[in-house]
Every structure is written in C-alpha cells, then in structure tokens.
Amino acid sequence: MKKIMLGMLIGLSLAAPLQAQGLHLYQDPIPLGSYVTDYDDMLDKAVSRNHWRFEREGDKRFARLSYKTYEINVELVESDKGIAITLIDAKREGCTKNCDVDMDKVSGWLVKLRRTIAYDLTLAVRDDALRRTVR
C-alpha cells in the first residue's frame, strides 16, 4: 500500500507542472519578425478567412466570431515575443437548450485562428525571401 501511495504521489508531482505549462495551445505567441509592415492588414486577412471579424479600438486589436449560437471575443496582444491570442469571453447568445459553452470547441477554433495567423505570417516570410532573391 505504501508503494502504491508513493507511486501516485510521484506521478502527480510530475504531471502537475505539465498541466500548468500546456493549458492552452492558442496562447503561445506567434513571432512576427520584420517581415510584415502592416500588421492590421495581415491580421484582417488572416482572421476573416475563417469567418472571424477583425476590429481595432485604439491600440488594441480584437477578433470576434459569431457562429451558430456562439459568440467568442479574443484580444490579439502584440508584444516583443509576437502576437498572442487572449480569450476575453465565450458565450452562447439566443440559445434555447444545451446552453453550456463547449470549451473544447472554443479551444479548437482559437487554435485554428492561431494557425491561420501563423500561416499568413509564413506567406509574408516567403514573399520577403522571393523579393530579396529577385533583386
């Protein structure tokens, strides 16, 4: 019995840091570099590809998704590490039954949003490399 308890304690102590570090894949910043001169234009194209709306209020950038009964609002935070996605809220407006927010779906949409932004940045890097080789 003591060996089982000791094994469980060791297992839990090793698993706890993994959960704390890898909670949300979409929060990992996307490094920008110097390839993009107009971030707002790139973000607008990237988020609109998957039916998100890009909005800018002052120096803050937001992406909003209205899909079926889901309303998801995120902030696109620019830092020295790149652009990160921060979930503001996820609601289900106008829902009549089963109105709980499925966070697995929301996380999936946010990961796809991050992937789309990273893809557009990859295209910008490719275009910059092609411009440099043509000269």
C-alpha atoms as a PDB file:
ATOM      1  CA  MET A   1       0.000   0.000   0.000  1.00  0.00           C
ATOM      2  CA  LYS A   2       2.853   2.376   0.821  1.00  0.00           C
ATOM      3  CA  LYS A   3       4.461   1.688  -2.560  1.00  0.00           C
ATOM      4  CA  ILE A   4       1.215   2.467  -4.369  1.00  0.00           C
ATOM      5  CA  MET A   5       0.750   5.750  -2.489  1.00  0.00           C
ATOM      6  CA  LEU A   6       4.374   6.733  -3.110  1.00  0.00           C
ATOM      7  CA  GLY A   7       3.970   5.953  -6.819  1.00  0.00           C
ATOM      8  CA  MET A   8       0.800   8.037  -7.008  1.00  0.00           C
ATOM      9  CA  LEU A   9       2.460  10.987  -5.266  1.00  0.00           C
ATOM     10  CA  ILE A  10       5.438  10.881  -7.594  1.00  0.00           C
ATOM     11  CA  GLY A  11       3.175  10.593 -10.628  1.00  0.00           C
ATOM     12  CA  LEU A  12       1.017  13.527  -9.566  1.00  0.00           C
ATOM     13  CA  SER A  13       4.030  15.686  -8.753  1.00  0.00           C
ATOM     14  CA  LEU A  14       5.437  15.066 -12.232  1.00  0.00           C
ATOM     15  CA  ALA A  15       2.138  15.642 -14.021  1.00  0.00           C
ATOM     16  CA  ALA A  16       1.241  18.920 -12.264  1.00  0.00           C
ATOM     17  CA  PRO A  17       3.926  21.070 -13.957  1.00  0.00           C
ATOM     18  CA  LEU A  18       2.971  19.675 -17.361  1.00  0.00           C
ATOM     19  CA  GLN A  19      -0.627  20.736 -16.897  1.00  0.00           C
ATOM     20  CA  ALA A  20       0.316  24.214 -15.698  1.00  0.00           C
ATOM     21  CA  GLN A  21       2.570  24.900 -18.684  1.00  0.00           C
ATOM     22  CA  GLY A  22       0.484  23.463 -21.518  1.00  0.00           C
ATOM     23  CA  LEU A  23      -3.015  24.612 -20.715  1.00  0.00           C
ATOM     24  CA  HIS A  24      -3.871  26.459 -23.935  1.00  0.00           C
ATOM     25  CA  LEU A  25      -2.078  25.918 -27.217  1.00  0.00           C
ATOM     26  CA  TYR A  26      -3.518  29.078 -28.753  1.00  0.00           C
ATOM     27  CA  GLN A  27      -1.832  31.350 -26.196  1.00  0.00           C
ATOM     28  CA  ASP A  28       1.686  30.685 -27.481  1.00  0.00           C
ATOM     29  CA  PRO A  29       2.844  33.947 -29.168  1.00  0.00           C
ATOM     30  CA  ILE A  30       3.448  33.917 -32.918  1.00  0.00           C
ATOM     31  CA  PRO A  31       6.841  35.570 -33.580  1.00  0.00           C
ATOM     32  CA  LEU A  32       6.460  38.402 -36.080  1.00  0.00           C
ATOM     33  CA  GLY A  33       9.969  39.441 -37.083  1.00  0.00           C
ATOM     34  CA  SER A  34      10.370  42.307 -39.534  1.00  0.00           C
ATOM     35  CA  TYR A  35       8.585  40.708 -42.479  1.00  0.00           C
ATOM     36  CA  VAL A  36       5.244  42.436 -42.042  1.00  0.00           C
ATOM     37  CA  THR A  37       4.928  46.206 -42.232  1.00  0.00           C
ATOM     38  CA  ASP A  38       1.140  46.443 -41.824  1.00  0.00           C
ATOM     39  CA  TYR A  39       0.081  44.059 -39.047  1.00  0.00           C
ATOM     40  CA  ASP A  40      -3.527  45.178 -39.149  1.00  0.00           C
ATOM     41  CA  ASP A  41      -3.899  44.307 -42.836  1.00  0.00           C
ATOM     42  CA  MET A  42      -2.300  40.878 -42.325  1.00  0.00           C
ATOM     43  CA  LEU A  43      -4.452  40.157 -39.267  1.00  0.00           C
ATOM     44  CA  ASP A  44      -7.611  41.313 -41.059  1.00  0.00           C
ATOM     45  CA  LYS A  45      -6.961  38.926 -43.964  1.00  0.00           C
ATOM     46  CA  ALA A  46      -5.979  36.049 -41.669  1.00  0.00           C
ATOM     47  CA  VAL A  47      -8.936  36.234 -39.289  1.00  0.00           C
ATOM     48  CA  SER A  48     -11.526  36.861 -41.998  1.00  0.00           C
ATOM     49  CA  ARG A  49     -10.528  33.616 -43.750  1.00  0.00           C
ATOM     50  CA  ASN A  50     -12.299  31.609 -41.017  1.00  0.00           C
ATOM     51  CA  HIS A  51     -15.268  33.972 -40.598  1.00  0.00           C
ATOM     52  CA  TRP A  52     -13.799  35.957 -37.698  1.00  0.00           C
ATOM     53  CA  ARG A  53     -14.131  39.745 -37.684  1.00  0.00           C
ATOM     54  CA  PHE A  54     -11.067  41.884 -37.037  1.00  0.00           C
ATOM     55  CA  GLU A  55     -11.569  45.096 -35.066  1.00  0.00           C
ATOM     56  CA  ARG A  56      -9.174  47.709 -33.810  1.00  0.00           C
ATOM     57  CA  GLU A  57     -10.053  50.004 -30.915  1.00  0.00           C
ATOM     58  CA  GLY A  58      -7.264  52.454 -30.188  1.00  0.00           C
ATOM     59  CA  ASP A  59      -4.065  50.470 -29.912  1.00  0.00           C
ATOM     60  CA  LYS A  60      -5.883  47.194 -29.096  1.00  0.00           C
ATOM     61  CA  ARG A  61      -6.762  44.545 -31.652  1.00  0.00           C
ATOM     62  CA  PHE A  62      -9.700  42.156 -31.345  1.00  0.00           C
ATOM     63  CA  ALA A  63     -11.123  39.203 -33.252  1.00  0.00           C
ATOM     64  CA  ARG A  64     -14.747  38.213 -32.853  1.00  0.00           C
ATOM     65  CA  LEU A  65     -16.558  35.112 -34.047  1.00  0.00           C
ATOM     66  CA  SER A  66     -20.327  34.641 -34.317  1.00  0.00           C
ATOM     67  CA  TYR A  67     -21.067  31.041 -35.207  1.00  0.00           C
ATOM     68  CA  LYS A  68     -24.477  29.493 -34.672  1.00  0.00           C
ATOM     69  CA  THR A  69     -25.219  30.453 -31.043  1.00  0.00           C
ATOM     70  CA  TYR A  70     -21.559  31.015 -30.074  1.00  0.00           C
ATOM     71  CA  GLU A  71     -20.128  34.494 -29.561  1.00  0.00           C
ATOM     72  CA  ILE A  72     -16.363  34.434 -28.996  1.00  0.00           C
ATOM     73  CA  ASN A  73     -14.248  37.518 -28.318  1.00  0.00           C
ATOM     74  CA  VAL A  74     -10.456  37.460 -28.212  1.00  0.00           C
ATOM     75  CA  GLU A  75      -7.767  40.091 -27.959  1.00  0.00           C
ATOM     76  CA  LEU A  76      -4.748  39.907 -30.241  1.00  0.00           C
ATOM     77  CA  VAL A  77      -1.959  41.103 -27.974  1.00  0.00           C
ATOM     78  CA  GLU A  78       1.237  42.357 -29.593  1.00  0.00           C
ATOM     79  CA  SER A  79       4.423  42.111 -27.541  1.00  0.00           C
ATOM     80  CA  ASP A  80       8.130  41.773 -28.187  1.00  0.00           C
ATOM     81  CA  LYS A  81       7.608  37.989 -28.467  1.00  0.00           C
ATOM     82  CA  GLY A  82       4.951  38.352 -31.176  1.00  0.00           C
ATOM     83  CA  ILE A  83       1.164  38.232 -31.379  1.00  0.00           C
ATOM     84  CA  ALA A  84      -0.682  36.184 -28.772  1.00  0.00           C
ATOM     85  CA  ILE A  85      -4.368  35.306 -28.579  1.00  0.00           C
ATOM     86  CA  THR A  86      -6.113  36.002 -25.287  1.00  0.00           C
ATOM     87  CA  LEU A  87      -9.664  34.781 -24.762  1.00  0.00           C
ATOM     88  CA  ILE A  88     -11.907  37.534 -23.417  1.00  0.00           C
ATOM     89  CA  ASP A  89     -15.165  35.620 -23.300  1.00  0.00           C
ATOM     90  CA  ALA A  90     -17.191  32.890 -24.945  1.00  0.00           C
ATOM     91  CA  LYS A  91     -20.984  32.920 -24.693  1.00  0.00           C
ATOM     92  CA  ARG A  92     -23.983  31.347 -26.280  1.00  0.00           C
ATOM     93  CA  GLU A  93     -26.496  34.058 -27.122  1.00  0.00           C
ATOM     94  CA  GLY A  94     -30.013  33.120 -28.144  1.00  0.00           C
ATOM     95  CA  CYS A  95     -29.598  29.524 -27.102  1.00  0.00           C
ATOM     96  CA  THR A  96     -32.736  27.613 -26.138  1.00  0.00           C
ATOM     97  CA  LYS A  97     -31.413  24.227 -24.959  1.00  0.00           C
ATOM     98  CA  ASN A  98     -27.995  22.819 -24.037  1.00  0.00           C
ATOM     99  CA  CYS A  99     -26.642  26.314 -23.500  1.00  0.00           C
ATOM    100  CA  ASP A 100     -23.335  25.380 -21.875  1.00  0.00           C
ATOM    101  CA  VAL A 101     -20.252  26.636 -23.703  1.00  0.00           C
ATOM    102  CA  ASP A 102     -18.246  23.706 -25.050  1.00  0.00           C
ATOM    103  CA  MET A 103     -14.707  24.872 -24.261  1.00  0.00           C
ATOM    104  CA  ASP A 104     -13.231  22.085 -26.401  1.00  0.00           C
ATOM    105  CA  LYS A 105     -14.926  23.625 -29.454  1.00  0.00           C
ATOM    106  CA  VAL A 106     -13.848  27.122 -28.427  1.00  0.00           C
ATOM    107  CA  SER A 107     -10.248  25.998 -27.921  1.00  0.00           C
ATOM    108  CA  GLY A 108     -10.323  24.293 -31.314  1.00  0.00           C
ATOM    109  CA  TRP A 109     -11.497  27.486 -33.008  1.00  0.00           C
ATOM    110  CA  LEU A 110      -8.824  29.503 -31.210  1.00  0.00           C
ATOM    111  CA  VAL A 111      -6.086  27.053 -32.227  1.00  0.00           C
ATOM    112  CA  LYS A 112      -7.319  27.288 -35.820  1.00  0.00           C
ATOM    113  CA  LEU A 113      -7.249  31.095 -35.591  1.00  0.00           C
ATOM    114  CA  ARG A 114      -3.663  30.989 -34.335  1.00  0.00           C
ATOM    115  CA  ARG A 115      -2.712  28.551 -37.087  1.00  0.00           C
ATOM    116  CA  THR A 116      -4.238  30.832 -39.730  1.00  0.00           C
ATOM    117  CA  ILE A 117      -2.330  33.865 -38.459  1.00  0.00           C
ATOM    118  CA  ALA A 118       0.898  31.844 -38.400  1.00  0.00           C
ATOM    119  CA  TYR A 119       0.216  30.664 -41.966  1.00  0.00           C
ATOM    120  CA  ASP A 120      -0.229  34.227 -43.218  1.00  0.00           C
ATOM    121  CA  LEU A 121       2.980  35.216 -41.480  1.00  0.00           C
ATOM    122  CA  THR A 122       4.730  32.290 -43.207  1.00  0.00           C
ATOM    123  CA  LEU A 123       3.468  33.580 -46.541  1.00  0.00           C
ATOM    124  CA  ALA A 124       4.852  37.027 -45.696  1.00  0.00           C
ATOM    125  CA  VAL A 125       8.247  35.489 -44.900  1.00  0.00           C
ATOM    126  CA  ARG A 126       8.180  33.594 -48.207  1.00  0.00           C
ATOM    127  CA  ASP A 127       7.233  36.728 -50.157  1.00  0.00           C
ATOM    128  CA  ASP A 128      10.035  38.670 -48.475  1.00  0.00           C
ATOM    129  CA  ALA A 129      12.541  35.961 -49.405  1.00  0.00           C
ATOM    130  CA  LEU A 130      11.342  35.993 -53.022  1.00  0.00           C
ATOM    131  CA  ARG A 131      11.675  39.788 -53.201  1.00  0.00           C
ATOM    132  CA  ARG A 132      15.239  39.574 -51.928  1.00  0.00           C
ATOM    133  CA  THR A 133      16.269  36.927 -54.483  1.00  0.00           C
ATOM    134  CA  VAL A 134      14.800  38.831 -57.444  1.00  0.00           C
ATOM    135  CA  ARG A 135      16.962  41.911 -56.827  1.00  0.00           C
END
